[in-house]
Amino acid sequence: MIAASQICQMARLSVGDAGRTTYSDYEVMTALQSSLDLLVISCDEYFSPLLIKSAELELPAGRAALPEDFRSVVSVLGSRGAPLESNYETGPFRGEFRFENGEIVSPESPLTLTYRYRPARLTATDEEIDAPETLLLPLARMTASLLKGDFETAQAVSDRTAQTSKTQRWENAGEPQLWGGYNQNV
């Protein structure tokens, strides 16, 4: 969780408005919300693992409501950890699921739903943003860029943040060998 006030303060310092005379709180909050919107889009475009959550769902009548912050599905696992397939034509049958009117439908229960989420919309500077702490600096830079009217820089920071998080996820993986397996990084 990141305090919105902390991002706003860092963005104000970056644009030389520590005295709060150049930009109103509304302008700063609007720029911060736009920065979050940009980051969500970049994470979707680059398949970034930054804004991903998992939820354990019980389906008592074969269906359950999707989480409020649900944006798109990454995977659905059954009670034994096996991945379930989507079926929108005839099912869902055992080992399958589908989405229907804001609900997930499946004969399997419980399910582990891994999904891309969207942080809640901000209404005040005293709110917390449901995002990893590593996004503090990029969000402050994007907010400051948008306050200065520099959309290209904000977009570049957003894209770079989404791409970097994707590569950091695999930094400890070994190099693939020619005939299968991996060489350990030493």
N, C-alpha and C. Protein backbone atom coordinates (compact mmCIF):
# COMPACT_ATOMS: atom_id res chain seq x y z
N MET A 1 0.84 -1.18 0.00
CA MET A 1 0.00 0.00 0.00
C MET A 1 0.88 1.24 0.00
N ILE A 2 0.49 2.20 -0.81
CA ILE A 2 1.22 3.46 -0.92
C ILE A 2 0.28 4.59 -0.55
N ALA A 3 0.75 5.52 0.27
CA ALA A 3 -0.05 6.69 0.63
C ALA A 3 -0.08 7.66 -0.55
N ALA A 4 -1.29 8.05 -0.96
CA ALA A 4 -1.42 8.99 -2.07
C ALA A 4 -0.77 10.33 -1.72
N SER A 5 -0.83 10.71 -0.46
CA SER A 5 -0.23 11.98 -0.03
C SER A 5 1.28 11.98 -0.24
N GLN A 6 1.92 10.84 -0.05
CA GLN A 6 3.37 10.74 -0.24
C GLN A 6 3.74 10.94 -1.71
N ILE A 7 2.97 10.33 -2.61
CA ILE A 7 3.22 10.50 -4.04
C ILE A 7 2.99 11.96 -4.44
N CYS A 8 1.91 12.55 -3.93
CA CYS A 8 1.61 13.95 -4.26
C CYS A 8 2.72 14.87 -3.77
N GLN A 9 3.23 14.63 -2.58
CA GLN A 9 4.30 15.45 -2.03
C GLN A 9 5.57 15.32 -2.87
N MET A 10 5.93 14.09 -3.26
CA MET A 10 7.11 13.88 -4.09
C MET A 10 6.95 14.55 -5.46
N ALA A 11 5.75 14.47 -6.03
CA ALA A 11 5.50 15.09 -7.33
C ALA A 11 5.59 16.61 -7.22
N ARG A 12 5.05 17.18 -6.14
CA ARG A 12 5.13 18.64 -5.93
C ARG A 12 6.59 19.08 -5.81
N LEU A 13 7.40 18.33 -5.08
CA LEU A 13 8.82 18.68 -4.94
C LEU A 13 9.52 18.63 -6.30
N SER A 14 9.15 17.66 -7.12
CA SER A 14 9.78 17.50 -8.43
C SER A 14 9.46 18.66 -9.37
N VAL A 15 8.27 19.24 -9.26
CA VAL A 15 7.88 20.35 -10.15
C VAL A 15 8.12 21.71 -9.49
N GLY A 16 8.74 21.74 -8.31
CA GLY A 16 9.06 23.00 -7.64
C GLY A 16 7.86 23.67 -7.01
N ASP A 17 6.92 22.88 -6.51
CA ASP A 17 5.71 23.44 -5.89
C ASP A 17 5.57 22.96 -4.45
N ALA A 18 6.66 22.98 -3.69
CA ALA A 18 6.61 22.53 -2.30
C ALA A 18 5.70 23.42 -1.46
N GLY A 19 5.56 24.68 -1.84
CA GLY A 19 4.72 25.61 -1.10
C GLY A 19 3.25 25.54 -1.47
N ARG A 20 2.89 24.67 -2.39
CA ARG A 20 1.51 24.47 -2.83
C ARG A 20 0.88 25.74 -3.40
N THR A 21 1.65 26.45 -4.19
CA THR A 21 1.14 27.70 -4.76
C THR A 21 0.83 27.60 -6.24
N THR A 22 1.49 26.67 -6.94
CA THR A 22 1.32 26.57 -8.40
C THR A 22 0.17 25.65 -8.79
N TYR A 23 0.08 24.50 -8.13
CA TYR A 23 -0.94 23.50 -8.47
C TYR A 23 -1.87 23.27 -7.29
N SER A 24 -3.17 23.15 -7.60
CA SER A 24 -4.14 22.85 -6.54
C SER A 24 -4.08 21.37 -6.19
N ASP A 25 -4.65 21.01 -5.04
CA ASP A 25 -4.71 19.60 -4.66
C ASP A 25 -5.50 18.80 -5.70
N TYR A 26 -6.55 19.42 -6.25
CA TYR A 26 -7.36 18.74 -7.27
C TYR A 26 -6.51 18.41 -8.50
N GLU A 27 -5.68 19.35 -8.95
CA GLU A 27 -4.83 19.11 -10.12
C GLU A 27 -3.83 17.99 -9.86
N VAL A 28 -3.26 17.97 -8.68
CA VAL A 28 -2.29 16.93 -8.34
C VAL A 28 -2.98 15.57 -8.25
N MET A 29 -4.15 15.52 -7.63
CA MET A 29 -4.88 14.25 -7.53
C MET A 29 -5.33 13.75 -8.90
N THR A 30 -5.73 14.67 -9.77
CA THR A 30 -6.13 14.29 -11.12
C THR A 30 -4.93 13.72 -11.88
N ALA A 31 -3.76 14.35 -11.73
CA ALA A 31 -2.55 13.85 -12.38
C ALA A 31 -2.17 12.48 -11.83
N LEU A 32 -2.32 12.28 -10.51
CA LEU A 32 -2.01 10.99 -9.91
C LEU A 32 -2.96 9.91 -10.42
N GLN A 33 -4.25 10.23 -10.51
CA GLN A 33 -5.21 9.25 -11.02
C GLN A 33 -4.91 8.92 -12.48
N SER A 34 -4.54 9.91 -13.27
CA SER A 34 -4.16 9.66 -14.66
C SER A 34 -2.91 8.80 -14.75
N SER A 35 -1.98 9.00 -13.82
CA SER A 35 -0.76 8.17 -13.77
C SER A 35 -1.12 6.72 -13.48
N LEU A 36 -2.04 6.50 -12.56
CA LEU A 36 -2.49 5.13 -12.27
C LEU A 36 -3.15 4.51 -13.49
N ASP A 37 -3.97 5.30 -14.18
CA ASP A 37 -4.63 4.80 -15.40
C ASP A 37 -3.60 4.40 -16.45
N LEU A 38 -2.58 5.24 -16.65
CA LEU A 38 -1.51 4.93 -17.60
C LEU A 38 -0.80 3.64 -17.22
N LEU A 39 -0.50 3.48 -15.92
CA LEU A 39 0.22 2.30 -15.47
C LEU A 39 -0.60 1.03 -15.66
N VAL A 40 -1.89 1.09 -15.40
CA VAL A 40 -2.76 -0.07 -15.60
C VAL A 40 -2.74 -0.49 -17.06
N ILE A 41 -2.84 0.47 -17.96
CA ILE A 41 -2.83 0.17 -19.39
C ILE A 41 -1.48 -0.42 -19.80
N SER A 42 -0.39 0.17 -19.32
CA SER A 42 0.95 -0.36 -19.65
C SER A 42 1.13 -1.78 -19.13
N CYS A 43 0.66 -2.04 -17.92
CA CYS A 43 0.78 -3.40 -17.36
C CYS A 43 0.00 -4.41 -18.19
N ASP A 44 -1.15 -3.99 -18.71
CA ASP A 44 -1.92 -4.88 -19.59
C ASP A 44 -1.19 -5.11 -20.92
N GLU A 45 -0.65 -4.03 -21.50
CA GLU A 45 0.01 -4.14 -22.80
C GLU A 45 1.25 -5.02 -22.75
N TYR A 46 2.01 -4.93 -21.65
CA TYR A 46 3.27 -5.67 -21.54
C TYR A 46 3.15 -6.92 -20.68
N PHE A 47 1.94 -7.33 -20.32
CA PHE A 47 1.70 -8.52 -19.52
C PHE A 47 2.55 -8.50 -18.24
N SER A 48 2.61 -7.35 -17.62
CA SER A 48 3.43 -7.16 -16.42
C SER A 48 2.79 -7.85 -15.21
N PRO A 49 3.60 -8.44 -14.35
CA PRO A 49 3.07 -9.07 -13.13
C PRO A 49 2.88 -8.08 -11.98
N LEU A 50 3.03 -6.78 -12.23
CA LEU A 50 2.93 -5.79 -11.16
C LEU A 50 1.56 -5.75 -10.49
N LEU A 51 0.52 -5.68 -11.27
CA LEU A 51 -0.83 -5.52 -10.72
C LEU A 51 -1.62 -6.82 -10.86
N ILE A 52 -1.13 -7.86 -10.18
CA ILE A 52 -1.79 -9.17 -10.21
C ILE A 52 -2.08 -9.61 -8.78
N LYS A 53 -3.27 -10.16 -8.57
CA LYS A 53 -3.68 -10.69 -7.27
C LYS A 53 -4.23 -12.10 -7.45
N SER A 54 -4.34 -12.81 -6.33
CA SER A 54 -5.01 -14.11 -6.31
C SER A 54 -6.08 -14.08 -5.23
N ALA A 55 -7.17 -14.77 -5.50
CA ALA A 55 -8.26 -14.86 -4.53
C ALA A 55 -8.77 -16.29 -4.49
N GLU A 56 -9.03 -16.76 -3.30
CA GLU A 56 -9.63 -18.09 -3.10
C GLU A 56 -11.14 -17.89 -3.08
N LEU A 57 -11.85 -18.52 -4.02
CA LEU A 57 -13.30 -18.33 -4.13
C LEU A 57 -14.03 -19.63 -3.85
N GLU A 58 -15.02 -19.57 -2.99
CA GLU A 58 -15.93 -20.69 -2.76
C GLU A 58 -17.13 -20.51 -3.68
N LEU A 59 -17.55 -21.58 -4.34
CA LEU A 59 -18.69 -21.52 -5.24
C LEU A 59 -19.80 -22.42 -4.70
N PRO A 60 -20.56 -21.96 -3.70
CA PRO A 60 -21.56 -22.82 -3.06
C PRO A 60 -22.65 -23.33 -4.01
N ALA A 61 -23.10 -22.48 -4.93
CA ALA A 61 -24.14 -22.90 -5.87
C ALA A 61 -23.58 -22.98 -7.29
N GLY A 62 -22.28 -23.22 -7.40
CA GLY A 62 -21.66 -23.31 -8.70
C GLY A 62 -21.30 -21.96 -9.29
N ARG A 63 -21.44 -20.89 -8.50
CA ARG A 63 -21.09 -19.56 -8.98
C ARG A 63 -20.73 -18.66 -7.82
N ALA A 64 -19.89 -17.67 -8.12
CA ALA A 64 -19.48 -16.69 -7.10
C ALA A 64 -19.20 -15.36 -7.79
N ALA A 65 -19.39 -14.28 -7.06
CA ALA A 65 -19.13 -12.95 -7.60
C ALA A 65 -17.63 -12.74 -7.78
N LEU A 66 -17.27 -12.04 -8.84
CA LEU A 66 -15.87 -11.70 -9.07
C LEU A 66 -15.45 -10.59 -8.10
N PRO A 67 -14.18 -10.52 -7.74
CA PRO A 67 -13.71 -9.43 -6.87
C PRO A 67 -14.00 -8.07 -7.52
N GLU A 68 -14.23 -7.05 -6.69
CA GLU A 68 -14.59 -5.73 -7.20
C GLU A 68 -13.49 -5.10 -8.05
N ASP A 69 -12.23 -5.43 -7.75
CA ASP A 69 -11.12 -4.83 -8.50
C ASP A 69 -10.68 -5.69 -9.69
N PHE A 70 -11.47 -6.71 -10.05
CA PHE A 70 -11.15 -7.61 -11.16
C PHE A 70 -11.12 -6.85 -12.48
N ARG A 71 -10.08 -7.12 -13.27
CA ARG A 71 -9.94 -6.50 -14.59
C ARG A 71 -9.91 -7.56 -15.68
N SER A 72 -9.04 -8.57 -15.52
CA SER A 72 -8.97 -9.67 -16.49
C SER A 72 -8.33 -10.88 -15.81
N VAL A 73 -8.60 -12.03 -16.37
CA VAL A 73 -8.13 -13.28 -15.76
C VAL A 73 -6.71 -13.61 -16.22
N VAL A 74 -5.92 -14.15 -15.29
CA VAL A 74 -4.60 -14.68 -15.61
C VAL A 74 -4.69 -16.20 -15.63
N SER A 75 -5.27 -16.78 -14.55
CA SER A 75 -5.46 -18.23 -14.51
C SER A 75 -6.52 -18.58 -13.48
N VAL A 76 -7.08 -19.76 -13.63
CA VAL A 76 -8.04 -20.30 -12.66
C VAL A 76 -7.58 -21.71 -12.34
N LEU A 77 -7.37 -21.98 -11.05
CA LEU A 77 -6.93 -23.30 -10.61
C LEU A 77 -8.01 -23.96 -9.77
N GLY A 78 -8.18 -25.27 -9.94
CA GLY A 78 -9.14 -26.02 -9.15
C GLY A 78 -8.62 -26.29 -7.75
N SER A 79 -9.38 -27.04 -6.98
CA SER A 79 -9.04 -27.29 -5.57
C SER A 79 -7.74 -28.07 -5.42
N ARG A 80 -7.35 -28.84 -6.41
CA ARG A 80 -6.10 -29.62 -6.35
C ARG A 80 -4.94 -28.93 -7.06
N GLY A 81 -5.15 -27.70 -7.50
CA GLY A 81 -4.09 -26.94 -8.15
C GLY A 81 -4.00 -27.13 -9.64
N ALA A 82 -4.90 -27.90 -10.22
CA ALA A 82 -4.88 -28.11 -11.67
C ALA A 82 -5.56 -26.93 -12.37
N PRO A 83 -4.98 -26.46 -13.47
CA PRO A 83 -5.60 -25.33 -14.19
C PRO A 83 -6.92 -25.74 -14.82
N LEU A 84 -7.89 -24.82 -14.76
CA LEU A 84 -9.19 -25.05 -15.38
C LEU A 84 -9.23 -24.35 -16.73
N GLU A 85 -9.97 -24.92 -17.67
CA GLU A 85 -10.12 -24.36 -19.01
C GLU A 85 -11.42 -23.56 -19.08
N SER A 86 -11.42 -22.51 -19.92
CA SER A 86 -12.66 -21.75 -20.10
C SER A 86 -13.54 -22.45 -21.13
N ASN A 87 -14.85 -22.44 -20.89
CA ASN A 87 -15.81 -23.07 -21.80
C ASN A 87 -17.05 -22.19 -21.84
N TYR A 88 -17.26 -21.50 -22.95
CA TYR A 88 -18.42 -20.62 -23.10
C TYR A 88 -19.48 -21.20 -24.01
N GLU A 89 -19.25 -22.40 -24.55
CA GLU A 89 -20.17 -22.94 -25.52
C GLU A 89 -21.16 -23.93 -24.92
N THR A 90 -20.68 -24.96 -24.22
CA THR A 90 -21.57 -26.01 -23.74
C THR A 90 -21.59 -26.16 -22.24
N GLY A 91 -20.54 -25.74 -21.56
CA GLY A 91 -20.36 -26.04 -20.14
C GLY A 91 -20.76 -24.90 -19.25
N PRO A 92 -20.10 -24.79 -18.18
CA PRO A 92 -18.87 -25.49 -17.84
C PRO A 92 -19.12 -26.85 -17.21
N PHE A 93 -18.24 -27.77 -17.54
CA PHE A 93 -18.26 -29.10 -16.94
C PHE A 93 -17.09 -29.20 -15.97
N ARG A 94 -16.86 -30.37 -15.43
CA ARG A 94 -15.74 -30.57 -14.50
C ARG A 94 -14.43 -30.16 -15.17
N GLY A 95 -13.62 -29.37 -14.46
CA GLY A 95 -12.36 -28.89 -15.00
C GLY A 95 -12.49 -27.67 -15.89
N GLU A 96 -13.67 -27.03 -15.87
CA GLU A 96 -13.90 -25.87 -16.72
C GLU A 96 -14.55 -24.74 -15.91
N PHE A 97 -14.52 -23.53 -16.49
CA PHE A 97 -15.17 -22.38 -15.88
C PHE A 97 -15.62 -21.43 -16.98
N ARG A 98 -16.44 -20.46 -16.62
CA ARG A 98 -16.78 -19.36 -17.51
C ARG A 98 -17.22 -18.16 -16.67
N PHE A 99 -17.15 -17.00 -17.27
CA PHE A 99 -17.61 -15.78 -16.62
C PHE A 99 -18.98 -15.43 -17.16
N GLU A 100 -19.86 -15.01 -16.25
CA GLU A 100 -21.23 -14.72 -16.64
C GLU A 100 -21.79 -13.63 -15.74
N ASN A 101 -22.09 -12.47 -16.29
CA ASN A 101 -22.72 -11.36 -15.54
C ASN A 101 -21.99 -11.02 -14.24
N GLY A 102 -20.69 -10.84 -14.31
CA GLY A 102 -19.92 -10.45 -13.13
C GLY A 102 -19.69 -11.58 -12.14
N GLU A 103 -19.89 -12.81 -12.58
CA GLU A 103 -19.68 -13.98 -11.72
C GLU A 103 -18.82 -15.01 -12.45
N ILE A 104 -18.18 -15.86 -11.66
CA ILE A 104 -17.47 -17.00 -12.24
C ILE A 104 -18.34 -18.23 -11.98
N VAL A 105 -18.50 -19.05 -12.99
CA VAL A 105 -19.37 -20.22 -12.91
C VAL A 105 -18.53 -21.46 -13.16
N SER A 106 -18.64 -22.45 -12.26
CA SER A 106 -17.90 -23.70 -12.41
C SER A 106 -18.44 -24.73 -11.42
N PRO A 107 -18.41 -26.01 -11.79
CA PRO A 107 -18.79 -27.04 -10.82
C PRO A 107 -17.69 -27.29 -9.79
N GLU A 108 -16.48 -26.79 -10.04
CA GLU A 108 -15.36 -26.96 -9.11
C GLU A 108 -15.47 -25.96 -7.97
N SER A 109 -15.12 -26.37 -6.77
CA SER A 109 -15.07 -25.45 -5.63
C SER A 109 -14.15 -26.04 -4.58
N PRO A 110 -13.29 -25.29 -3.97
CA PRO A 110 -13.00 -23.87 -4.19
C PRO A 110 -12.08 -23.68 -5.39
N LEU A 111 -12.00 -22.42 -5.86
CA LEU A 111 -11.14 -22.05 -6.98
C LEU A 111 -10.12 -21.03 -6.53
N THR A 112 -8.97 -21.04 -7.16
CA THR A 112 -8.00 -19.97 -6.97
C THR A 112 -7.97 -19.16 -8.24
N LEU A 113 -8.46 -17.93 -8.15
CA LEU A 113 -8.53 -17.03 -9.28
C LEU A 113 -7.34 -16.07 -9.22
N THR A 114 -6.49 -16.12 -10.21
CA THR A 114 -5.38 -15.17 -10.33
C THR A 114 -5.79 -14.20 -11.42
N TYR A 115 -5.74 -12.90 -11.09
CA TYR A 115 -6.29 -11.91 -12.01
C TYR A 115 -5.53 -10.59 -11.97
N ARG A 116 -5.65 -9.84 -13.05
CA ARG A 116 -5.14 -8.48 -13.09
C ARG A 116 -6.17 -7.59 -12.43
N TYR A 117 -5.68 -6.69 -11.58
CA TYR A 117 -6.62 -5.82 -10.88
C TYR A 117 -6.34 -4.36 -11.17
N ARG A 118 -7.31 -3.54 -10.82
CA ARG A 118 -7.21 -2.11 -10.98
C ARG A 118 -7.35 -1.48 -9.60
N PRO A 119 -6.33 -0.70 -9.17
CA PRO A 119 -6.47 -0.01 -7.88
C PRO A 119 -7.71 0.89 -7.89
N ALA A 120 -8.33 1.02 -6.73
CA ALA A 120 -9.55 1.83 -6.61
C ALA A 120 -9.29 3.28 -6.98
N ARG A 121 -10.31 3.95 -7.49
CA ARG A 121 -10.19 5.36 -7.86
C ARG A 121 -9.98 6.20 -6.62
N LEU A 122 -9.14 7.21 -6.75
CA LEU A 122 -8.82 8.09 -5.63
C LEU A 122 -9.80 9.24 -5.53
N THR A 123 -10.15 9.60 -4.30
CA THR A 123 -11.03 10.74 -4.09
C THR A 123 -10.40 11.78 -3.16
N ALA A 124 -9.39 11.38 -2.38
CA ALA A 124 -8.73 12.30 -1.46
C ALA A 124 -7.27 11.91 -1.30
N THR A 125 -6.44 12.87 -0.86
CA THR A 125 -5.01 12.61 -0.72
C THR A 125 -4.69 11.74 0.48
N ASP A 126 -5.61 11.56 1.40
CA ASP A 126 -5.32 10.74 2.59
C ASP A 126 -5.61 9.26 2.36
N GLU A 127 -5.93 8.87 1.14
CA GLU A 127 -6.22 7.47 0.83
C GLU A 127 -4.95 6.68 0.54
N GLU A 128 -5.09 5.36 0.62
CA GLU A 128 -3.99 4.44 0.30
C GLU A 128 -4.26 3.83 -1.07
N ILE A 129 -3.19 3.64 -1.84
CA ILE A 129 -3.29 3.01 -3.15
C ILE A 129 -2.87 1.55 -3.00
N ASP A 130 -3.71 0.64 -3.43
CA ASP A 130 -3.42 -0.79 -3.34
C ASP A 130 -2.46 -1.16 -4.48
N ALA A 131 -1.18 -0.94 -4.23
CA ALA A 131 -0.14 -1.23 -5.22
C ALA A 131 1.17 -1.48 -4.49
N PRO A 132 2.11 -2.19 -5.12
CA PRO A 132 3.39 -2.45 -4.47
C PRO A 132 4.17 -1.16 -4.20
N GLU A 133 4.97 -1.18 -3.14
CA GLU A 133 5.79 -0.02 -2.76
C GLU A 133 6.79 0.36 -3.85
N THR A 134 7.16 -0.58 -4.70
CA THR A 134 8.12 -0.27 -5.76
C THR A 134 7.57 0.74 -6.77
N LEU A 135 6.28 1.00 -6.73
CA LEU A 135 5.68 1.96 -7.67
C LEU A 135 5.69 3.39 -7.15
N LEU A 136 6.20 3.61 -5.95
CA LEU A 136 6.20 4.95 -5.37
C LEU A 136 6.92 5.96 -6.27
N LEU A 137 8.15 5.69 -6.61
CA LEU A 137 8.93 6.63 -7.43
C LEU A 137 8.39 6.77 -8.85
N PRO A 138 8.08 5.67 -9.55
CA PRO A 138 7.52 5.84 -10.90
C PRO A 138 6.21 6.63 -10.91
N LEU A 139 5.33 6.38 -9.94
CA LEU A 139 4.07 7.13 -9.89
C LEU A 139 4.32 8.61 -9.62
N ALA A 140 5.29 8.93 -8.76
CA ALA A 140 5.62 10.32 -8.49
C ALA A 140 6.19 10.99 -9.75
N ARG A 141 7.05 10.27 -10.48
CA ARG A 141 7.61 10.83 -11.72
C ARG A 141 6.54 11.04 -12.78
N MET A 142 5.62 10.07 -12.91
CA MET A 142 4.54 10.21 -13.90
C MET A 142 3.62 11.37 -13.52
N THR A 143 3.30 11.49 -12.23
CA THR A 143 2.43 12.57 -11.77
C THR A 143 3.07 13.93 -12.04
N ALA A 144 4.36 14.05 -11.72
CA ALA A 144 5.08 15.32 -11.97
C ALA A 144 5.11 15.63 -13.47
N SER A 145 5.34 14.63 -14.29
CA SER A 145 5.37 14.85 -15.74
C SER A 145 4.02 15.32 -16.25
N LEU A 146 2.95 14.73 -15.76
CA LEU A 146 1.62 15.14 -16.20
C LEU A 146 1.30 16.55 -15.70
N LEU A 147 1.76 16.91 -14.51
CA LEU A 147 1.54 18.28 -14.01
C LEU A 147 2.24 19.30 -14.92
N LYS A 148 3.39 18.93 -15.45
CA LYS A 148 4.14 19.81 -16.35
C LYS A 148 3.59 19.76 -17.77
N GLY A 149 2.63 18.87 -18.03
CA GLY A 149 2.05 18.75 -19.36
C GLY A 149 2.87 17.88 -20.30
N ASP A 150 3.75 17.06 -19.77
CA ASP A 150 4.62 16.21 -20.57
C ASP A 150 4.09 14.78 -20.58
N PHE A 151 3.13 14.53 -21.44
CA PHE A 151 2.49 13.22 -21.50
C PHE A 151 3.45 12.15 -21.99
N GLU A 152 4.33 12.49 -22.92
CA GLU A 152 5.25 11.50 -23.50
C GLU A 152 6.17 10.92 -22.44
N THR A 153 6.69 11.78 -21.55
CA THR A 153 7.56 11.28 -20.48
C THR A 153 6.78 10.39 -19.52
N ALA A 154 5.56 10.80 -19.18
CA ALA A 154 4.73 9.99 -18.28
C ALA A 154 4.47 8.62 -18.90
N GLN A 155 4.17 8.59 -20.19
CA GLN A 155 3.92 7.33 -20.88
C GLN A 155 5.18 6.47 -20.92
N ALA A 156 6.33 7.10 -21.16
CA ALA A 156 7.60 6.36 -21.22
C ALA A 156 7.94 5.76 -19.86
N VAL A 157 7.73 6.51 -18.78
CA VAL A 157 8.00 5.98 -17.43
C VAL A 157 7.05 4.82 -17.12
N SER A 158 5.80 4.97 -17.52
CA SER A 158 4.81 3.92 -17.29
C SER A 158 5.19 2.64 -18.04
N ASP A 159 5.54 2.78 -19.31
CA ASP A 159 5.92 1.61 -20.10
C ASP A 159 7.18 0.95 -19.55
N ARG A 160 8.17 1.77 -19.20
CA ARG A 160 9.42 1.23 -18.67
C ARG A 160 9.19 0.50 -17.35
N THR A 161 8.31 1.03 -16.51
CA THR A 161 8.01 0.39 -15.23
C THR A 161 7.36 -0.97 -15.45
N ALA A 162 6.42 -1.04 -16.37
CA ALA A 162 5.75 -2.32 -16.67
C ALA A 162 6.74 -3.32 -17.26
N GLN A 163 7.60 -2.87 -18.15
CA GLN A 163 8.58 -3.77 -18.78
C GLN A 163 9.62 -4.24 -17.78
N THR A 164 10.10 -3.34 -16.93
CA THR A 164 11.12 -3.68 -15.95
C THR A 164 10.61 -4.70 -14.95
N SER A 165 9.37 -4.54 -14.50
CA SER A 165 8.83 -5.50 -13.54
C SER A 165 8.71 -6.88 -14.15
N LYS A 166 8.48 -6.93 -15.44
CA LYS A 166 8.39 -8.23 -16.12
C LYS A 166 9.74 -8.92 -16.17
N THR A 167 10.82 -8.17 -16.44
CA THR A 167 12.14 -8.79 -16.51
C THR A 167 12.68 -9.13 -15.13
N GLN A 168 12.34 -8.34 -14.12
CA GLN A 168 12.82 -8.63 -12.78
C GLN A 168 12.24 -9.92 -12.24
N ARG A 169 11.07 -10.26 -12.69
CA ARG A 169 10.43 -11.48 -12.22
C ARG A 169 11.25 -12.71 -12.57
N TRP A 170 11.97 -12.68 -13.70
CA TRP A 170 12.70 -13.84 -14.17
C TRP A 170 14.21 -13.70 -14.02
N GLU A 171 14.67 -12.72 -13.27
CA GLU A 171 16.11 -12.49 -13.21
C GLU A 171 16.89 -13.63 -12.57
N ASN A 172 16.26 -14.46 -11.76
CA ASN A 172 16.97 -15.55 -11.10
C ASN A 172 16.87 -16.87 -11.87
N ALA A 173 16.21 -16.86 -13.00
CA ALA A 173 16.10 -18.08 -13.80
C ALA A 173 17.42 -18.35 -14.50
N GLY A 174 17.77 -19.61 -14.60
CA GLY A 174 19.01 -19.98 -15.27
C GLY A 174 18.89 -19.85 -16.78
N GLU A 175 20.01 -19.93 -17.46
CA GLU A 175 20.04 -19.89 -18.92
C GLU A 175 19.59 -21.24 -19.47
N PRO A 176 18.72 -21.25 -20.49
CA PRO A 176 18.30 -22.53 -21.06
C PRO A 176 19.45 -23.25 -21.76
N GLN A 177 19.50 -24.56 -21.62
CA GLN A 177 20.50 -25.37 -22.30
C GLN A 177 19.96 -25.77 -23.67
N LEU A 178 20.86 -26.14 -24.56
CA LEU A 178 20.49 -26.49 -25.91
C LEU A 178 19.52 -27.68 -25.94
N TRP A 179 19.76 -28.71 -25.12
CA TRP A 179 18.95 -29.93 -25.16
C TRP A 179 18.00 -30.03 -23.98
N GLY A 180 17.58 -28.92 -23.43
CA GLY A 180 16.60 -28.93 -22.36
C GLY A 180 17.25 -28.68 -20.99
N GLY A 181 16.46 -28.26 -20.06
CA GLY A 181 16.96 -27.95 -18.73
C GLY A 181 17.54 -26.56 -18.66
N TYR A 182 18.12 -26.22 -17.51
CA TYR A 182 18.67 -24.89 -17.30
C TYR A 182 20.02 -24.97 -16.62
N ASN A 183 20.93 -24.08 -17.00
CA ASN A 183 22.19 -23.90 -16.27
C ASN A 183 21.92 -22.96 -15.12
N GLN A 184 22.36 -23.32 -13.94
CA GLN A 184 22.14 -22.47 -12.78
C GLN A 184 23.00 -21.22 -12.87
N ASN A 185 22.43 -20.08 -12.48
CA ASN A 185 23.22 -18.85 -12.40
C ASN A 185 24.11 -18.95 -11.18
N VAL A 186 25.37 -18.77 -11.36
CA VAL A 186 26.33 -18.88 -10.26
C VAL A 186 26.94 -17.55 -9.99
